[in-house]
Amino acid sequence: MPPKFKRHLNDDDVTGSVKSERRNLLEDDSDEEEDFFLRGPSGPRFGPRNEKIKHVQNQVDEVIDVMQENITKVIERGERLDELQDKSESLSDNATAFSNRSKQLRRQMWWRGCKIKAIMALVAVILLLVIIILIVVKYRT
């Protein structure tokens, strides 16, 4: 079943993580060049244009968060598939070893049965020879 994703996120869900990330990046020692790339230019801003930019930036941040989640889930899925493939290969190897061992055991049991039959036949022949020798000796005397 495919994973479920949020199609509509609240502004708090999206902007909270981005703001905390930016805050963490800006709290450490940072120079002006890093601040420029993380905060943007610090010039005068115009009202309606600024709102549109914020709105677009929020949408971009939302898409970035969703894509990061998707990438994380794909990586986890890949790891699970690798584990499953390793288990599958191990199971296949064990099945092959079991099959080979069962064939070997079957041959051993067949030879054991042949040996027992040969010994029983030899005992029967010896008994017949003893009986025949006793009968022949008895009639000669």
N, C-alpha and C. Protein backbone atom coordinates (compact mmCIF):
# COMPACT_ATOMS: atom_id res chain seq x y z
N MET A 1 0.84 -1.16 0.00
CA MET A 1 0.00 0.00 0.00
C MET A 1 0.89 1.23 0.00
N PRO A 2 0.66 2.19 -0.89
CA PRO A 2 1.53 3.36 -0.97
C PRO A 2 1.39 4.23 0.28
N PRO A 3 2.48 4.90 0.64
CA PRO A 3 2.41 5.76 1.82
C PRO A 3 1.48 6.95 1.58
N LYS A 4 0.91 7.43 2.67
CA LYS A 4 -0.01 8.56 2.57
C LYS A 4 0.74 9.84 2.92
N PHE A 5 0.52 10.84 2.11
CA PHE A 5 1.17 12.12 2.32
C PHE A 5 0.11 13.19 2.53
N LYS A 6 0.48 14.20 3.26
CA LYS A 6 -0.43 15.33 3.45
C LYS A 6 -0.40 16.18 2.20
N ARG A 7 -1.57 16.45 1.66
CA ARG A 7 -1.62 17.31 0.49
C ARG A 7 -1.66 18.79 0.91
N HIS A 8 -2.29 19.04 2.04
CA HIS A 8 -2.41 20.42 2.49
C HIS A 8 -1.85 20.49 3.90
N LEU A 9 -0.84 21.28 4.06
CA LEU A 9 -0.22 21.47 5.36
C LEU A 9 -0.56 22.85 5.91
N ASN A 10 -0.60 22.95 7.20
CA ASN A 10 -0.78 24.25 7.83
C ASN A 10 0.50 25.05 7.69
N ASP A 11 0.37 26.35 7.80
CA ASP A 11 1.57 27.20 7.75
C ASP A 11 2.51 26.87 8.90
N ASP A 12 1.94 26.49 10.05
CA ASP A 12 2.79 26.15 11.19
C ASP A 12 3.62 24.89 10.91
N ASP A 13 3.02 23.91 10.22
CA ASP A 13 3.73 22.69 9.90
C ASP A 13 4.93 22.97 9.00
N VAL A 14 4.73 23.83 8.04
CA VAL A 14 5.75 24.08 7.03
C VAL A 14 6.77 25.09 7.50
N THR A 15 6.28 26.24 7.93
CA THR A 15 7.22 27.32 8.24
C THR A 15 7.93 27.09 9.55
N GLY A 16 7.35 26.33 10.47
CA GLY A 16 7.99 26.08 11.75
C GLY A 16 9.31 25.36 11.60
N SER A 17 9.34 24.34 10.76
CA SER A 17 10.57 23.59 10.59
C SER A 17 11.62 24.41 9.86
N VAL A 18 11.19 25.18 8.86
CA VAL A 18 12.12 26.00 8.10
C VAL A 18 12.69 27.10 8.98
N LYS A 19 11.80 27.71 9.78
CA LYS A 19 12.27 28.79 10.65
C LYS A 19 13.25 28.27 11.68
N SER A 20 12.96 27.11 12.27
CA SER A 20 13.87 26.57 13.28
C SER A 20 15.20 26.17 12.64
N GLU A 21 15.14 25.68 11.42
CA GLU A 21 16.38 25.32 10.72
C GLU A 21 17.20 26.58 10.45
N ARG A 22 16.54 27.61 9.97
CA ARG A 22 17.26 28.87 9.70
C ARG A 22 17.83 29.44 11.01
N ARG A 23 17.02 29.37 12.06
CA ARG A 23 17.47 29.90 13.35
C ARG A 23 18.72 29.15 13.81
N ASN A 24 18.71 27.83 13.69
CA ASN A 24 19.87 27.03 14.09
C ASN A 24 21.09 27.38 13.25
N LEU A 25 20.89 27.61 11.97
CA LEU A 25 22.00 27.96 11.10
C LEU A 25 22.55 29.35 11.41
N LEU A 26 21.65 30.26 11.77
CA LEU A 26 22.08 31.63 12.00
C LEU A 26 22.60 31.87 13.41
N GLU A 27 22.29 30.98 14.37
CA GLU A 27 22.74 31.16 15.74
C GLU A 27 24.24 31.01 15.85
N ASP A 28 24.81 30.07 15.15
CA ASP A 28 26.25 29.85 15.22
C ASP A 28 26.98 31.03 14.61
N ASP A 29 28.28 30.96 14.72
CA ASP A 29 29.10 32.01 14.13
C ASP A 29 28.86 32.04 12.63
N SER A 30 28.40 33.16 12.14
CA SER A 30 28.15 33.27 10.72
C SER A 30 28.65 34.62 10.24
N ASP A 31 29.12 34.63 9.04
CA ASP A 31 29.58 35.89 8.49
C ASP A 31 28.48 36.50 7.63
N GLU A 32 28.75 37.67 7.10
CA GLU A 32 27.72 38.40 6.36
C GLU A 32 27.31 37.68 5.07
N GLU A 33 28.26 36.98 4.46
CA GLU A 33 27.93 36.29 3.21
C GLU A 33 26.92 35.17 3.45
N GLU A 34 27.14 34.40 4.54
CA GLU A 34 26.18 33.34 4.86
C GLU A 34 24.82 33.93 5.22
N ASP A 35 24.82 35.03 5.98
CA ASP A 35 23.56 35.66 6.35
C ASP A 35 22.80 36.12 5.12
N PHE A 36 23.51 36.63 4.12
CA PHE A 36 22.86 37.09 2.90
C PHE A 36 22.14 35.93 2.21
N PHE A 37 22.80 34.75 2.13
CA PHE A 37 22.19 33.62 1.44
C PHE A 37 21.07 32.99 2.25
N LEU A 38 21.16 33.04 3.58
CA LEU A 38 20.13 32.43 4.40
C LEU A 38 18.95 33.37 4.65
N ARG A 39 19.21 34.66 4.79
CA ARG A 39 18.14 35.62 5.10
C ARG A 39 17.67 36.39 3.88
N GLY A 40 18.50 36.46 2.88
CA GLY A 40 18.15 37.25 1.72
C GLY A 40 18.65 38.67 1.88
N PRO A 41 18.49 39.47 0.86
CA PRO A 41 18.98 40.86 0.96
C PRO A 41 18.17 41.63 1.97
N SER A 42 18.82 42.57 2.63
CA SER A 42 18.13 43.35 3.66
C SER A 42 17.89 44.77 3.15
N GLY A 43 17.07 44.88 2.16
CA GLY A 43 16.75 46.19 1.59
C GLY A 43 15.30 46.53 1.89
N PRO A 44 14.82 47.65 1.39
CA PRO A 44 13.42 48.00 1.62
C PRO A 44 12.51 47.02 0.89
N ARG A 45 11.41 46.71 1.53
CA ARG A 45 10.48 45.74 0.96
C ARG A 45 9.17 46.44 0.71
N PHE A 46 8.52 46.03 -0.35
CA PHE A 46 7.24 46.62 -0.69
C PHE A 46 6.13 45.68 -0.27
N GLY A 47 5.01 46.21 0.18
CA GLY A 47 3.92 45.44 0.76
C GLY A 47 3.37 44.31 -0.08
N PRO A 48 2.64 44.55 -1.17
CA PRO A 48 1.99 43.47 -1.90
C PRO A 48 3.00 42.52 -2.53
N ARG A 49 4.09 43.03 -3.03
CA ARG A 49 5.09 42.17 -3.67
C ARG A 49 5.72 41.26 -2.62
N ASN A 50 5.97 41.82 -1.45
CA ASN A 50 6.56 41.04 -0.36
C ASN A 50 5.63 39.90 0.04
N GLU A 51 4.33 40.16 0.08
CA GLU A 51 3.37 39.12 0.43
C GLU A 51 3.35 37.99 -0.59
N LYS A 52 3.43 38.39 -1.87
CA LYS A 52 3.46 37.37 -2.92
C LYS A 52 4.72 36.53 -2.81
N ILE A 53 5.83 37.18 -2.53
CA ILE A 53 7.10 36.44 -2.38
C ILE A 53 7.01 35.50 -1.19
N LYS A 54 6.46 35.98 -0.09
CA LYS A 54 6.32 35.12 1.09
C LYS A 54 5.42 33.92 0.78
N HIS A 55 4.35 34.19 0.07
CA HIS A 55 3.42 33.11 -0.28
C HIS A 55 4.12 32.07 -1.16
N VAL A 56 4.84 32.53 -2.17
CA VAL A 56 5.57 31.61 -3.05
C VAL A 56 6.65 30.88 -2.27
N GLN A 57 7.34 31.61 -1.39
CA GLN A 57 8.40 30.98 -0.59
C GLN A 57 7.80 29.91 0.32
N ASN A 58 6.64 30.18 0.90
CA ASN A 58 5.97 29.18 1.74
C ASN A 58 5.62 27.94 0.92
N GLN A 59 5.15 28.16 -0.29
CA GLN A 59 4.83 27.01 -1.14
C GLN A 59 6.09 26.22 -1.49
N VAL A 60 7.16 26.93 -1.79
CA VAL A 60 8.43 26.25 -2.11
C VAL A 60 8.92 25.48 -0.89
N ASP A 61 8.85 26.09 0.28
CA ASP A 61 9.26 25.41 1.52
C ASP A 61 8.41 24.16 1.76
N GLU A 62 7.12 24.28 1.48
CA GLU A 62 6.21 23.15 1.64
C GLU A 62 6.61 22.00 0.72
N VAL A 63 6.90 22.34 -0.52
CA VAL A 63 7.31 21.32 -1.50
C VAL A 63 8.64 20.70 -1.08
N ILE A 64 9.54 21.51 -0.59
CA ILE A 64 10.84 21.00 -0.15
C ILE A 64 10.66 20.01 1.00
N ASP A 65 9.83 20.35 1.97
CA ASP A 65 9.59 19.44 3.10
C ASP A 65 8.98 18.13 2.63
N VAL A 66 8.00 18.20 1.74
CA VAL A 66 7.37 16.98 1.23
C VAL A 66 8.39 16.13 0.48
N MET A 67 9.22 16.77 -0.32
CA MET A 67 10.23 16.03 -1.08
C MET A 67 11.27 15.41 -0.15
N GLN A 68 11.66 16.11 0.91
CA GLN A 68 12.60 15.54 1.86
C GLN A 68 12.01 14.31 2.53
N GLU A 69 10.74 14.39 2.92
CA GLU A 69 10.06 13.23 3.50
C GLU A 69 10.02 12.07 2.50
N ASN A 70 9.70 12.39 1.25
CA ASN A 70 9.64 11.35 0.22
C ASN A 70 10.99 10.69 0.02
N ILE A 71 12.03 11.49 -0.02
CA ILE A 71 13.38 10.93 -0.20
C ILE A 71 13.75 10.05 0.98
N THR A 72 13.43 10.49 2.18
CA THR A 72 13.71 9.68 3.37
C THR A 72 12.97 8.35 3.30
N LYS A 73 11.72 8.39 2.91
CA LYS A 73 10.93 7.16 2.81
C LYS A 73 11.45 6.25 1.72
N VAL A 74 11.91 6.81 0.61
CA VAL A 74 12.47 5.99 -0.47
C VAL A 74 13.76 5.32 0.00
N ILE A 75 14.59 6.05 0.72
CA ILE A 75 15.83 5.47 1.24
C ILE A 75 15.52 4.34 2.22
N GLU A 76 14.57 4.56 3.12
CA GLU A 76 14.18 3.51 4.07
C GLU A 76 13.64 2.30 3.34
N ARG A 77 12.84 2.53 2.32
CA ARG A 77 12.29 1.42 1.53
C ARG A 77 13.41 0.65 0.85
N GLY A 78 14.40 1.36 0.32
CA GLY A 78 15.54 0.71 -0.32
C GLY A 78 16.30 -0.15 0.67
N GLU A 79 16.47 0.34 1.89
CA GLU A 79 17.16 -0.44 2.92
C GLU A 79 16.37 -1.70 3.26
N ARG A 80 15.05 -1.56 3.37
CA ARG A 80 14.22 -2.73 3.67
C ARG A 80 14.29 -3.73 2.53
N LEU A 81 14.30 -3.24 1.29
CA LEU A 81 14.40 -4.15 0.14
C LEU A 81 15.74 -4.87 0.12
N ASP A 82 16.81 -4.17 0.49
CA ASP A 82 18.13 -4.82 0.57
C ASP A 82 18.13 -5.92 1.62
N GLU A 83 17.54 -5.63 2.79
CA GLU A 83 17.45 -6.65 3.83
C GLU A 83 16.64 -7.84 3.36
N LEU A 84 15.54 -7.57 2.70
CA LEU A 84 14.69 -8.64 2.19
C LEU A 84 15.42 -9.48 1.15
N GLN A 85 16.19 -8.83 0.30
CA GLN A 85 16.95 -9.56 -0.71
C GLN A 85 18.02 -10.43 -0.05
N ASP A 86 18.68 -9.92 0.98
CA ASP A 86 19.68 -10.72 1.70
C ASP A 86 19.03 -11.95 2.35
N LYS A 87 17.87 -11.74 2.96
CA LYS A 87 17.17 -12.87 3.58
C LYS A 87 16.74 -13.88 2.53
N SER A 88 16.30 -13.39 1.38
CA SER A 88 15.88 -14.28 0.29
C SER A 88 17.04 -15.11 -0.21
N GLU A 89 18.20 -14.48 -0.39
CA GLU A 89 19.38 -15.21 -0.85
C GLU A 89 19.81 -16.25 0.18
N SER A 90 19.75 -15.89 1.44
CA SER A 90 20.11 -16.82 2.51
C SER A 90 19.16 -18.02 2.51
N LEU A 91 17.88 -17.75 2.36
CA LEU A 91 16.89 -18.82 2.32
C LEU A 91 17.12 -19.73 1.12
N SER A 92 17.44 -19.16 -0.01
CA SER A 92 17.73 -19.94 -1.21
C SER A 92 18.95 -20.83 -1.00
N ASP A 93 19.99 -20.27 -0.40
CA ASP A 93 21.20 -21.06 -0.11
C ASP A 93 20.89 -22.21 0.84
N ASN A 94 20.10 -21.93 1.87
CA ASN A 94 19.72 -22.98 2.83
C ASN A 94 18.89 -24.07 2.15
N ALA A 95 18.00 -23.69 1.26
CA ALA A 95 17.18 -24.67 0.54
C ALA A 95 18.04 -25.56 -0.34
N THR A 96 19.03 -24.98 -1.01
CA THR A 96 19.93 -25.77 -1.85
C THR A 96 20.75 -26.73 -1.00
N ALA A 97 21.26 -26.26 0.12
CA ALA A 97 22.04 -27.12 1.02
C ALA A 97 21.16 -28.26 1.55
N PHE A 98 19.92 -27.95 1.91
CA PHE A 98 19.00 -28.99 2.40
C PHE A 98 18.73 -30.03 1.31
N SER A 99 18.51 -29.57 0.10
CA SER A 99 18.26 -30.48 -1.01
C SER A 99 19.45 -31.41 -1.25
N ASN A 100 20.65 -30.84 -1.26
CA ASN A 100 21.85 -31.66 -1.46
C ASN A 100 22.04 -32.67 -0.33
N ARG A 101 21.83 -32.25 0.90
CA ARG A 101 21.99 -33.15 2.06
C ARG A 101 20.94 -34.26 2.02
N SER A 102 19.71 -33.94 1.62
CA SER A 102 18.67 -34.98 1.56
C SER A 102 18.98 -36.01 0.48
N LYS A 103 19.53 -35.58 -0.67
CA LYS A 103 19.92 -36.53 -1.71
C LYS A 103 21.04 -37.45 -1.21
N GLN A 104 22.00 -36.87 -0.51
CA GLN A 104 23.11 -37.65 0.03
C GLN A 104 22.60 -38.66 1.06
N LEU A 105 21.70 -38.25 1.92
CA LEU A 105 21.14 -39.14 2.93
C LEU A 105 20.32 -40.26 2.29
N ARG A 106 19.57 -39.94 1.22
CA ARG A 106 18.79 -40.95 0.50
C ARG A 106 19.72 -42.02 -0.08
N ARG A 107 20.83 -41.60 -0.67
CA ARG A 107 21.80 -42.57 -1.21
C ARG A 107 22.39 -43.44 -0.11
N GLN A 108 22.72 -42.83 1.02
CA GLN A 108 23.28 -43.60 2.14
C GLN A 108 22.27 -44.64 2.62
N MET A 109 21.01 -44.26 2.73
CA MET A 109 20.00 -45.21 3.20
C MET A 109 19.79 -46.31 2.17
N TRP A 110 19.86 -46.01 0.88
CA TRP A 110 19.71 -47.03 -0.15
C TRP A 110 20.84 -48.04 -0.06
N TRP A 111 22.09 -47.58 0.10
CA TRP A 111 23.22 -48.49 0.23
C TRP A 111 23.10 -49.33 1.51
N ARG A 112 22.63 -48.71 2.59
CA ARG A 112 22.46 -49.46 3.85
C ARG A 112 21.43 -50.57 3.64
N GLY A 113 20.34 -50.27 2.94
CA GLY A 113 19.33 -51.30 2.65
C GLY A 113 19.90 -52.40 1.78
N CYS A 114 20.71 -52.03 0.80
CA CYS A 114 21.34 -53.06 -0.06
C CYS A 114 22.27 -53.94 0.76
N LYS A 115 23.05 -53.37 1.66
CA LYS A 115 23.96 -54.15 2.51
C LYS A 115 23.19 -55.13 3.39
N ILE A 116 22.08 -54.66 3.98
CA ILE A 116 21.27 -55.53 4.84
C ILE A 116 20.69 -56.69 4.03
N LYS A 117 20.20 -56.40 2.82
CA LYS A 117 19.67 -57.46 1.96
C LYS A 117 20.75 -58.45 1.58
N ALA A 118 21.97 -57.96 1.28
CA ALA A 118 23.07 -58.85 0.92
C ALA A 118 23.47 -59.74 2.10
N ILE A 119 23.50 -59.19 3.28
CA ILE A 119 23.85 -59.98 4.48
C ILE A 119 22.79 -61.03 4.75
N MET A 120 21.51 -60.67 4.61
CA MET A 120 20.43 -61.64 4.82
C MET A 120 20.50 -62.76 3.78
N ALA A 121 20.81 -62.42 2.53
CA ALA A 121 20.93 -63.43 1.49
C ALA A 121 22.11 -64.35 1.79
N LEU A 122 23.21 -63.81 2.25
CA LEU A 122 24.38 -64.62 2.59
C LEU A 122 24.07 -65.56 3.75
N VAL A 123 23.37 -65.07 4.77
CA VAL A 123 22.98 -65.92 5.91
C VAL A 123 22.06 -67.04 5.42
N ALA A 124 21.13 -66.72 4.54
CA ALA A 124 20.21 -67.75 4.03
C ALA A 124 20.99 -68.80 3.23
N VAL A 125 21.93 -68.38 2.43
CA VAL A 125 22.74 -69.33 1.65
C VAL A 125 23.55 -70.22 2.58
N ILE A 126 24.15 -69.63 3.62
CA ILE A 126 24.95 -70.42 4.57
C ILE A 126 24.06 -71.42 5.28
N LEU A 127 22.86 -71.02 5.71
CA LEU A 127 21.93 -71.95 6.36
C LEU A 127 21.54 -73.09 5.42
N LEU A 128 21.26 -72.77 4.17
CA LEU A 128 20.92 -73.81 3.19
C LEU A 128 22.08 -74.77 3.00
N LEU A 129 23.30 -74.27 2.91
CA LEU A 129 24.47 -75.13 2.75
C LEU A 129 24.64 -76.04 3.96
N VAL A 130 24.45 -75.46 5.15
CA VAL A 130 24.57 -76.29 6.37
C VAL A 130 23.52 -77.38 6.37
N ILE A 131 22.28 -77.06 6.01
CA ILE A 131 21.21 -78.06 5.99
C ILE A 131 21.50 -79.12 4.93
N ILE A 132 21.93 -78.70 3.77
CA ILE A 132 22.22 -79.65 2.70
C ILE A 132 23.38 -80.54 3.10
N ILE A 133 24.42 -79.99 3.70
CA ILE A 133 25.57 -80.80 4.13
C ILE A 133 25.14 -81.79 5.19
N LEU A 134 24.31 -81.36 6.13
CA LEU A 134 23.84 -82.28 7.17
C LEU A 134 22.99 -83.41 6.57
N ILE A 135 22.16 -83.11 5.60
CA ILE A 135 21.32 -84.15 4.96
C ILE A 135 22.21 -85.13 4.18
N VAL A 136 23.18 -84.61 3.45
CA VAL A 136 24.07 -85.47 2.66
C VAL A 136 24.89 -86.36 3.59
N VAL A 137 25.41 -85.84 4.66
CA VAL A 137 26.22 -86.62 5.60
C VAL A 137 25.34 -87.67 6.25
N LYS A 138 24.11 -87.37 6.58
CA LYS A 138 23.21 -88.31 7.24
C LYS A 138 22.86 -89.47 6.32
N TYR A 139 22.63 -89.23 5.02
CA TYR A 139 22.28 -90.31 4.11
C TYR A 139 23.50 -91.16 3.73
N ARG A 140 24.68 -90.70 3.82
CA ARG A 140 25.88 -91.47 3.50
C ARG A 140 26.19 -92.41 4.63
N THR A 141 25.88 -92.06 5.75
CA THR A 141 26.22 -92.97 6.84
C THR A 141 25.16 -93.94 7.19
